[in-house]
């Protein structure tokens, strides 16, 4: 089996394990000594596991949570494997499950009012009926053996935007191997295809009426979504991590480079309007980082924004809050214990998940810590004592009543979030 971005995986048959709230209904219990500064545990109420055990970041939309198995896997050496896409109720129980034999896993689901769109590592795009999970159409770019689609899918005004590598369907001619595609959301017909000099994975968004695509080699292009016309192209003077996502900020695109520099990009012209280097980059050496951990060496590990602030998490365990007005004025900084996996906001707090599985809630205005707990997982007894890696956890979704995490090795887990009182 081959995976995208150098993540080795096993090839056993996927399974689902649902664990009930046997220990204090998902409440607290005192943990054993698990290493330096390890908080008390919060037990999971549901766990979903798969093999290969790589799950997409969870996507929460109107109280339904969508998550796919096989995230980042481009193809299986043994042919195909059964992969699943889950739609989970707010209780944690499945609303529906899509099972498909695929040559590559599911990407990040993109729900809309009526549909859920999701790519696969084997160059296919699915459109599902949101309420039932029924497949309405499939777009096949061809070349399932070596081609692949990006993990991010974008929906815009009746159009689904996705990237593809090495397609060989009849619609693609010439020697170009990488494209950004516009596909009709109604019937799955190809509307346009724009070549790009590089592989696009997660770096895809529609911001201020422009499709912005950023390839891993640092090539960025802007596309008119109505016509498919390329409007601009620029070199970002540095590569981006495969998991880098684009964040809208005051009508511009925020792009974290692999060296930790955060760029602001004018979506109408492609001009780089700002560069911000976080303090975590001062001793960063990309070659050393890759050699010590893996080929995933990005400094900025998580970016999240709400209506008035931008939150950036890095490899040191720090979270910095900035004004969301485009000037990146620092409001506060939280110093955590180890690299950040994901960020979210809930009520008046910022939820922080690090790669040990420690979950913290910070005050949005000041960054002060309200509470912390270790999110226990049935597949690991002592994560606080382990050396955290970049890819153990990759996603977080939080509401007033639940916490959901996802990632590699540890599956997707749901926890009952304790009351704010």
Protein backbone atom coordinates (compact mmCIF):
# COMPACT_ATOMS: atom_id res chain seq x y z
CA UNK A 1 0.00 0.00 0.00
CA UNK A 2 1.17 3.51 -0.84
CA UNK A 3 0.06 6.55 1.09
CA UNK A 4 0.17 10.22 0.37
CA UNK A 5 2.80 12.23 2.16
CA UNK A 6 4.84 9.29 3.42
CA UNK A 7 2.51 7.93 6.11
CA UNK A 8 3.02 4.14 6.39
CA UNK A 9 -0.16 2.20 7.13
CA UNK A 10 -1.31 -1.36 7.67
CA UNK A 11 -3.76 -3.11 5.37
CA UNK A 12 -6.07 -5.08 7.66
CA UNK A 13 -9.85 -4.95 7.26
CA UNK A 14 -11.55 -1.90 8.83
CA UNK A 15 -13.81 -2.35 11.82
CA UNK A 16 -16.02 -0.22 14.08
CA UNK A 17 -15.82 -0.39 17.86
CA UNK A 18 -18.46 1.50 19.82
CA UNK A 19 -17.65 1.84 23.49
CA UNK A 20 -20.34 2.89 25.91
CA UNK A 21 -20.04 5.28 28.82
CA UNK A 22 -18.99 2.56 31.21
CA UNK A 23 -16.63 4.72 33.24
CA UNK A 24 -18.49 7.56 34.93
CA UNK A 25 -20.55 8.32 31.85
CA UNK A 26 -17.64 10.03 30.14
CA UNK A 27 -16.76 11.98 33.29
CA UNK A 28 -13.54 12.52 35.19
CA UNK A 29 -11.50 9.95 37.03
CA UNK A 30 -8.09 10.31 38.61
CA UNK A 31 -5.34 9.18 36.29
CA UNK A 32 -2.23 7.31 37.32
CA UNK A 33 1.06 9.17 37.11
CA UNK A 34 1.54 9.50 33.34
CA UNK A 35 4.52 11.75 32.96
CA UNK A 36 5.22 15.41 33.59
CA UNK A 37 2.19 17.62 34.16
CA UNK A 38 -0.37 15.09 32.96
CA UNK A 39 -3.96 16.10 33.86
CA UNK A 40 -6.84 13.87 34.90
CA UNK A 41 -8.51 11.79 32.22
CA UNK A 42 -11.79 12.19 30.38
CA UNK A 43 -13.13 8.85 29.15
CA UNK A 44 -14.58 8.47 25.65
CA UNK A 45 -18.21 7.50 25.14
CA UNK A 46 -17.73 6.30 21.54
CA UNK A 47 -14.71 5.14 19.56
CA UNK A 48 -14.59 4.41 15.84
CA UNK A 49 -11.57 2.51 14.62
CA UNK A 50 -10.46 1.36 11.19
CA UNK A 51 -7.54 -0.42 9.67
CA UNK A 52 -5.80 1.37 7.97
CA UNK A 53 -6.43 3.60 10.98
CA UNK A 54 -6.23 7.09 9.49
CA UNK A 55 -9.24 9.37 9.88
CA UNK A 56 -9.98 12.73 8.32
CA UNK A 57 -10.47 15.80 10.52
CA UNK A 58 -14.09 15.77 11.75
CA UNK A 59 -16.44 18.25 10.09
CA UNK A 60 -19.33 19.46 12.25
CA UNK A 61 -22.27 20.98 10.38
CA UNK A 62 -25.71 21.65 11.86
CA UNK A 63 -25.26 19.10 14.69
CA UNK A 64 -24.16 16.31 12.34
CA UNK A 65 -20.53 15.27 12.30
CA UNK A 66 -18.91 13.84 9.17
CA UNK A 67 -15.61 11.92 9.17
CA UNK A 68 -13.96 9.63 6.63
CA UNK A 69 -11.54 6.71 6.93
CA UNK A 70 -8.32 6.34 4.96
CA UNK A 71 -7.39 10.02 5.08
CA UNK A 72 -4.27 10.69 2.98
CA UNK A 73 -4.03 7.16 1.53
CA UNK A 74 -3.60 7.41 -2.24
CA UNK A 75 -3.64 3.77 -3.20
CA UNK A 76 -3.50 0.26 -1.81
CA UNK A 77 -0.73 -2.08 -2.94
CA UNK A 78 -3.18 -4.98 -2.73
CA UNK A 79 -5.82 -3.35 -4.93
CA UNK A 80 -8.82 -2.07 -2.97
CA UNK A 81 -9.99 -2.00 0.63
CA UNK A 82 -13.34 -1.15 2.21
CA UNK A 83 -13.35 2.45 3.47
CA UNK A 84 -16.16 4.18 5.36
CA UNK A 85 -17.61 7.67 5.56
CA UNK A 86 -19.59 8.28 8.75
CA UNK A 87 -22.38 10.75 9.51
CA UNK A 88 -22.75 10.86 13.30
CA UNK A 89 -25.64 12.22 15.33
CA UNK A 90 -24.99 14.59 18.24
CA UNK A 91 -25.38 11.52 20.50
CA UNK A 92 -22.38 9.91 18.80
CA UNK A 93 -24.45 7.21 17.10
CA UNK A 94 -24.22 6.79 13.31
CA UNK A 95 -26.90 8.51 11.25
CA UNK A 96 -25.66 6.67 8.19
CA UNK A 97 -22.48 4.94 7.02
CA UNK A 98 -21.22 4.80 3.44
CA UNK A 99 -19.04 1.77 2.71
CA UNK A 100 -17.09 1.53 -0.54
CA UNK A 101 -14.32 -0.66 -1.90
CA UNK A 102 -11.73 1.90 -2.96
CA UNK A 103 -8.15 2.07 -4.12
CA UNK A 104 -7.55 5.09 -1.83
CA UNK A 105 -9.17 6.54 1.27
CA UNK A 106 -11.67 9.37 1.79
CA UNK A 107 -10.61 13.00 2.07
CA UNK A 108 -12.24 15.75 4.16
CA UNK A 109 -16.06 15.68 3.75
CA UNK A 110 -17.68 18.91 2.56
CA UNK A 111 -21.35 19.11 3.66
CA UNK A 112 -23.84 21.57 2.16
CA UNK A 113 -27.57 22.02 2.78
CA UNK A 114 -28.48 19.04 0.60
CA UNK A 115 -25.27 17.14 -0.15
CA UNK A 116 -21.99 15.85 1.17
CA UNK A 117 -19.09 15.95 -1.31
CA UNK A 118 -15.95 13.94 -0.66
CA UNK A 119 -12.86 13.03 -2.69
CA UNK A 120 -10.85 9.82 -2.58
CA UNK A 121 -7.17 9.12 -2.97
CA UNK A 122 -8.01 7.07 -6.04
CA UNK A 123 -9.12 10.04 -8.19
CA UNK A 124 -12.87 9.88 -7.58
CA UNK A 125 -15.32 12.43 -6.24
CA UNK A 126 -18.61 11.37 -4.59
CA UNK A 127 -21.79 13.38 -4.17
CA UNK A 128 -24.04 12.00 -1.43
CA UNK A 129 -27.54 12.88 -0.33
CA UNK A 130 -26.97 14.55 3.02
CA UNK A 131 -29.82 12.95 4.98
CA UNK A 132 -29.39 9.36 3.78
CA UNK A 133 -25.82 8.99 2.49
CA UNK A 134 -27.16 7.74 -0.85
CA UNK A 135 -24.67 8.24 -3.70
CA UNK A 136 -26.18 10.64 -6.25
CA UNK A 137 -23.24 10.74 -8.66
CA UNK A 138 -19.57 9.93 -8.97
CA UNK A 139 -16.98 11.87 -10.95
CA UNK A 140 -14.09 9.67 -12.06
CA UNK A 141 -10.95 11.51 -13.22
CA UNK A 142 -9.41 8.23 -14.34
CA UNK A 143 -6.10 6.53 -13.57
CA UNK A 144 -7.05 5.08 -10.20
CA UNK A 145 -3.77 3.14 -10.14
CA UNK A 146 -1.41 6.14 -9.81
CA UNK A 147 -3.64 9.24 -9.91
CA UNK A 148 -5.14 10.86 -6.83
CA UNK A 149 -7.35 13.71 -5.70
CA UNK A 150 -6.57 16.28 -3.06
CA UNK A 151 -8.05 15.74 0.39
CA UNK A 152 -9.91 19.09 0.41
CA UNK A 153 -13.16 19.67 -1.46
CA UNK A 154 -14.79 23.09 -1.86
CA UNK A 155 -18.42 23.84 -2.75
CA UNK A 156 -19.31 27.20 -4.34
CA UNK A 157 -22.53 28.35 -6.01
CA UNK A 158 -23.48 25.07 -7.70
CA UNK A 159 -19.86 24.08 -8.28
CA UNK A 160 -17.58 21.57 -6.58
CA UNK A 161 -13.88 22.44 -6.73
CA UNK A 162 -11.25 19.73 -6.33
CA UNK A 163 -7.65 19.04 -7.36
CA UNK A 164 -6.39 15.97 -9.19
CA UNK A 165 -3.04 14.45 -10.13
CA UNK A 166 -2.33 12.35 -13.23
CA UNK A 167 -5.93 12.01 -14.50
CA UNK A 168 -6.38 10.09 -17.74
CA UNK A 169 -10.11 10.46 -18.47
CA UNK A 170 -11.02 11.60 -21.99
CA UNK A 171 -11.58 15.18 -20.81
CA UNK A 172 -7.87 15.55 -19.97
CA UNK A 173 -5.43 15.94 -22.83
CA UNK A 174 -1.76 16.85 -23.06
CA UNK A 175 1.08 16.15 -20.67
CA UNK A 176 0.02 18.25 -17.66
CA UNK A 177 -0.29 16.03 -14.60
CA UNK A 178 -1.89 18.39 -12.03
CA UNK A 179 -5.23 20.18 -12.33
CA UNK A 180 -7.76 22.16 -10.34
CA UNK A 181 -11.26 21.12 -11.44
CA UNK A 182 -14.71 22.68 -11.35
CA UNK A 183 -17.42 20.00 -11.34
CA UNK A 184 -21.18 20.61 -11.51
CA UNK A 185 -22.76 19.96 -8.12
CA UNK A 186 -26.01 18.97 -9.83
CA UNK A 187 -24.82 16.13 -12.06
CA UNK A 188 -21.06 15.66 -11.66
CA UNK A 189 -20.18 16.96 -15.13
CA UNK A 190 -16.76 18.57 -15.59
CA UNK A 191 -17.19 22.34 -16.09
CA UNK A 192 -13.52 23.36 -16.33
CA UNK A 193 -9.98 22.17 -15.67
CA UNK A 194 -7.03 24.46 -14.93
CA UNK A 195 -3.46 23.08 -14.95
CA UNK A 196 -1.16 23.91 -12.04
CA UNK A 197 2.57 23.30 -11.67
CA UNK A 198 2.49 21.25 -8.49
CA UNK A 199 0.40 18.90 -6.37
CA UNK A 200 -2.49 20.47 -4.47
CA UNK A 201 -3.64 18.62 -1.36
CA UNK A 202 -5.41 20.71 1.30
CA UNK A 203 -4.51 24.15 -0.06
CA UNK A 204 -7.81 24.91 -1.76
CA UNK A 205 -10.48 27.50 -0.94
CA UNK A 206 -12.92 30.00 -2.42
CA UNK A 207 -12.18 33.38 -0.84
CA UNK A 208 -13.86 36.63 -1.85
CA UNK A 209 -15.15 35.11 -5.11
CA UNK A 210 -11.82 33.59 -6.22
CA UNK A 211 -10.71 29.96 -6.16
CA UNK A 212 -7.28 29.96 -4.53
CA UNK A 213 -5.15 26.84 -5.00
CA UNK A 214 -1.73 26.40 -3.36
CA UNK A 215 0.50 23.51 -4.41
CA UNK A 216 2.96 21.88 -2.04
CA UNK A 217 5.90 23.30 -4.02
CA UNK A 218 4.70 26.85 -3.25
CA UNK A 219 2.96 27.61 -6.55
CA UNK A 220 -0.32 29.48 -6.01
CA UNK A 221 -2.98 30.35 -8.59
CA UNK A 222 -6.26 32.25 -8.59
CA UNK A 223 -9.20 31.03 -10.71
CA UNK A 224 -12.52 32.62 -11.66
CA UNK A 225 -15.00 29.95 -10.50
CA UNK A 226 -17.64 31.01 -13.04
CA UNK A 227 -15.44 30.66 -16.13
CA UNK A 228 -12.48 28.55 -15.01
CA UNK A 229 -10.12 31.27 -16.23
CA UNK A 230 -6.79 31.54 -14.43
CA UNK A 231 -6.48 35.09 -13.09
CA UNK A 232 -2.98 35.03 -11.59
CA UNK A 233 -0.06 32.82 -10.59
CA UNK A 234 2.62 33.43 -7.97
CA UNK A 235 5.54 31.66 -6.29
CA UNK A 236 5.33 31.78 -2.49
CA UNK A 237 9.13 31.46 -2.15
CA UNK A 238 8.82 28.33 -0.03
CA UNK A 239 6.94 25.05 0.15
CA UNK A 240 3.77 24.30 2.13
CA UNK A 241 2.95 21.21 4.15
CA UNK A 242 0.55 18.69 2.57
CA UNK A 243 -1.97 19.38 5.35
CA UNK A 244 -1.81 23.19 5.03
CA UNK A 245 -5.25 24.74 4.72
CA UNK A 246 -6.11 28.27 3.59
CA UNK A 247 -7.85 30.62 6.01
CA UNK A 248 -9.83 33.72 4.92
CA UNK A 249 -8.69 36.87 6.69
CA UNK A 250 -10.15 40.31 5.85
CA UNK A 251 -10.81 39.27 2.24
CA UNK A 252 -7.36 37.76 1.81
CA UNK A 253 -5.96 34.23 2.06
CA UNK A 254 -3.77 33.28 5.01
CA UNK A 255 -1.16 30.69 3.94
CA UNK A 256 1.25 29.05 6.44
CA UNK A 257 4.47 28.06 4.71
CA UNK A 258 6.39 24.98 5.80
CA UNK A 259 9.12 27.07 7.41
CA UNK A 260 6.55 28.66 9.71
CA UNK A 261 6.19 31.97 7.85
CA UNK A 262 2.53 32.95 7.55
CA UNK A 263 1.69 34.86 4.36
CA UNK A 264 -1.34 36.99 3.54
CA UNK A 265 -2.30 36.77 -0.12
CA UNK A 266 -4.57 39.19 -2.02
CA UNK A 267 -7.09 36.91 -3.73
CA UNK A 268 -7.85 39.35 -6.56
CA UNK A 269 -4.24 39.87 -7.67
CA UNK A 270 -2.13 37.16 -6.04
CA UNK A 271 0.07 39.77 -4.41
CA UNK A 272 1.74 38.82 -1.14
CA UNK A 273 0.58 41.61 1.16
CA UNK A 274 2.13 40.47 4.42
CA UNK A 275 4.66 38.10 5.99
CA UNK A 276 4.61 37.09 9.61
CA UNK A 277 7.26 34.87 11.19
CA UNK A 278 6.17 33.27 14.44
CA UNK A 279 8.64 33.05 17.32
CA UNK A 280 8.58 29.24 16.96
CA UNK A 281 10.60 29.51 13.72
CA UNK A 282 13.72 30.99 15.33
CA UNK A 283 15.49 27.63 15.68
CA UNK A 284 13.63 25.81 12.90
CA UNK A 285 15.63 23.62 10.53
CA UNK A 286 13.41 21.79 8.04
CA UNK A 287 15.98 19.08 7.24
CA UNK A 288 16.68 18.41 10.90
CA UNK A 289 12.97 18.38 11.75
CA UNK A 290 12.20 15.87 9.01
CA UNK A 291 15.10 13.62 9.97
CA UNK A 292 14.08 13.61 13.62
CA UNK A 293 10.37 12.98 13.11
CA UNK A 294 9.04 12.32 9.61
CA UNK A 295 8.67 14.11 6.32
CA UNK A 296 5.96 16.27 7.93
CA UNK A 297 7.99 19.09 9.45
CA UNK A 298 5.75 22.17 9.41
CA UNK A 299 6.04 24.62 12.29
CA UNK A 300 2.48 25.91 12.17
CA UNK A 301 0.32 22.95 13.11
CA UNK A 302 -3.15 24.47 13.36
CA UNK A 303 -4.96 27.64 12.32
CA UNK A 304 -8.49 28.60 13.35
CA UNK A 305 -10.41 31.84 13.19
CA UNK A 306 -13.71 33.16 14.45
CA UNK A 307 -15.42 36.48 13.80
CA UNK A 308 -12.91 38.61 15.69
CA UNK A 309 -9.67 36.67 16.20
CA UNK A 310 -7.20 34.34 14.53
CA UNK A 311 -5.57 31.53 16.53
CA UNK A 312 -2.33 29.87 15.41
CA UNK A 313 -0.85 26.76 17.05
CA UNK A 314 2.76 25.67 16.52
CA UNK A 315 5.22 22.83 17.13
CA UNK A 316 6.37 24.20 20.49
CA UNK A 317 2.88 23.85 21.97
CA UNK A 318 2.23 27.58 21.77
CA UNK A 319 -1.04 29.19 20.68
CA UNK A 320 -1.01 32.83 19.60
CA UNK A 321 -4.15 34.94 19.22
CA UNK A 322 -4.16 37.75 16.64
CA UNK A 323 -6.66 40.39 15.60
CA UNK A 324 -8.66 39.13 12.61
CA UNK A 325 -8.49 42.50 10.82
CA UNK A 326 -5.59 41.48 8.57
CA UNK A 327 -2.82 43.21 10.55
CA UNK A 328 -1.91 40.15 12.65
CA UNK A 329 -1.57 42.17 15.83
CA UNK A 330 -0.82 39.79 18.69
CA UNK A 331 -3.44 39.75 21.47
CA UNK A 332 -2.01 37.04 23.72
CA UNK A 333 0.08 33.88 23.71
CA UNK A 334 -0.41 30.60 25.54
CA UNK A 335 2.63 28.40 26.17
CA UNK A 336 1.67 24.72 26.10
CA UNK A 337 3.70 21.58 26.71
CA UNK A 338 4.00 20.06 23.23
CA UNK A 339 3.07 20.50 19.58
CA UNK A 340 -0.46 21.56 18.72
CA UNK A 341 -2.69 19.16 16.77
CA UNK A 342 -5.89 21.21 16.34
CA UNK A 343 -7.80 24.29 17.51
CA UNK A 344 -11.49 25.15 17.80
CA UNK A 345 -13.70 27.70 19.54
CA UNK A 346 -16.64 26.92 21.81
CA UNK A 347 -18.75 29.39 23.82
CA UNK A 348 -16.25 31.99 25.11
CA UNK A 349 -13.23 29.67 24.94
CA UNK A 350 -10.53 28.41 22.60
CA UNK A 351 -10.23 24.62 22.58
CA UNK A 352 -6.66 23.33 22.15
CA UNK A 353 -5.64 19.73 21.42
CA UNK A 354 -1.98 18.73 21.56
CA UNK A 355 -0.29 15.61 20.21
CA UNK A 356 -0.25 13.91 23.63
CA UNK A 357 -4.04 13.98 23.58
CA UNK A 358 -4.22 16.74 26.22
CA UNK A 359 -7.21 19.02 25.71
CA UNK A 360 -7.24 22.54 27.16
CA UNK A 361 -9.79 25.37 27.13
CA UNK A 362 -8.47 28.94 27.13
CA UNK A 363 -10.26 32.23 27.66
CA UNK A 364 -10.78 33.86 24.24
CA UNK A 365 -9.92 37.33 25.50
CA UNK A 366 -6.86 36.59 27.65
CA UNK A 367 -5.58 33.08 26.86
CA UNK A 368 -5.78 32.04 30.51
CA UNK A 369 -6.44 28.32 31.13
CA UNK A 370 -9.92 27.34 32.34
CA UNK A 371 -9.28 23.59 32.51
CA UNK A 372 -7.31 20.69 31.05
CA UNK A 373 -7.80 16.94 30.74
CA UNK A 374 -6.23 14.00 28.98
CA UNK A 375 -8.62 12.57 26.41
CA UNK A 376 -8.35 8.85 27.10
CA UNK A 377 -8.36 6.46 24.19
CA UNK A 378 -8.85 2.70 24.26
CA UNK A 379 -5.87 2.11 21.97
CA UNK A 380 -3.29 3.89 24.13
CA UNK A 381 -2.90 3.69 27.89
CA UNK A 382 -0.23 6.29 28.52
CA UNK A 383 -0.04 9.04 25.91
CA UNK A 384 1.17 11.67 28.36
CA UNK A 385 4.42 9.77 28.72
CA UNK A 386 4.98 9.31 24.98
CA UNK A 387 7.07 11.45 22.67
CA UNK A 388 4.39 13.21 20.59
CA UNK A 389 4.58 12.95 16.80
CA UNK A 390 3.19 15.31 14.18
CA UNK A 391 0.55 12.98 12.85
CA UNK A 392 -0.96 11.18 15.87
CA UNK A 393 -3.97 13.53 15.95
CA UNK A 394 -5.23 15.79 13.16
CA UNK A 395 -8.71 17.07 13.96
CA UNK A 396 -11.01 18.46 16.64
CA UNK A 397 -14.69 19.38 16.78
CA UNK A 398 -16.30 20.84 19.91
CA UNK A 399 -19.82 21.82 20.92
CA UNK A 400 -21.31 22.67 24.30
CA UNK A 401 -21.88 18.96 24.95
CA UNK A 402 -19.30 16.99 22.99
CA UNK A 403 -15.64 16.81 22.02
CA UNK A 404 -14.63 14.77 18.97
CA UNK A 405 -11.04 14.00 17.97
CA UNK A 406 -9.60 12.18 14.97
CA UNK A 407 -6.28 11.17 13.57
CA UNK A 408 -3.86 8.41 12.78
CA UNK A 409 -3.46 5.31 14.97
CA UNK A 410 -6.12 6.31 17.53
CA UNK A 411 -9.23 6.51 15.37
CA UNK A 412 -12.14 8.87 15.93
CA UNK A 413 -13.34 9.33 19.52
CA UNK A 414 -16.26 11.18 21.08
CA UNK A 415 -16.24 12.57 24.64
CA UNK A 416 -18.98 14.12 26.74
CA UNK A 417 -17.83 17.67 27.36
CA UNK A 418 -18.25 18.60 31.04
CA UNK A 419 -20.54 21.50 31.86
CA UNK A 420 -19.05 25.01 31.68
CA UNK A 421 -20.28 25.65 35.20
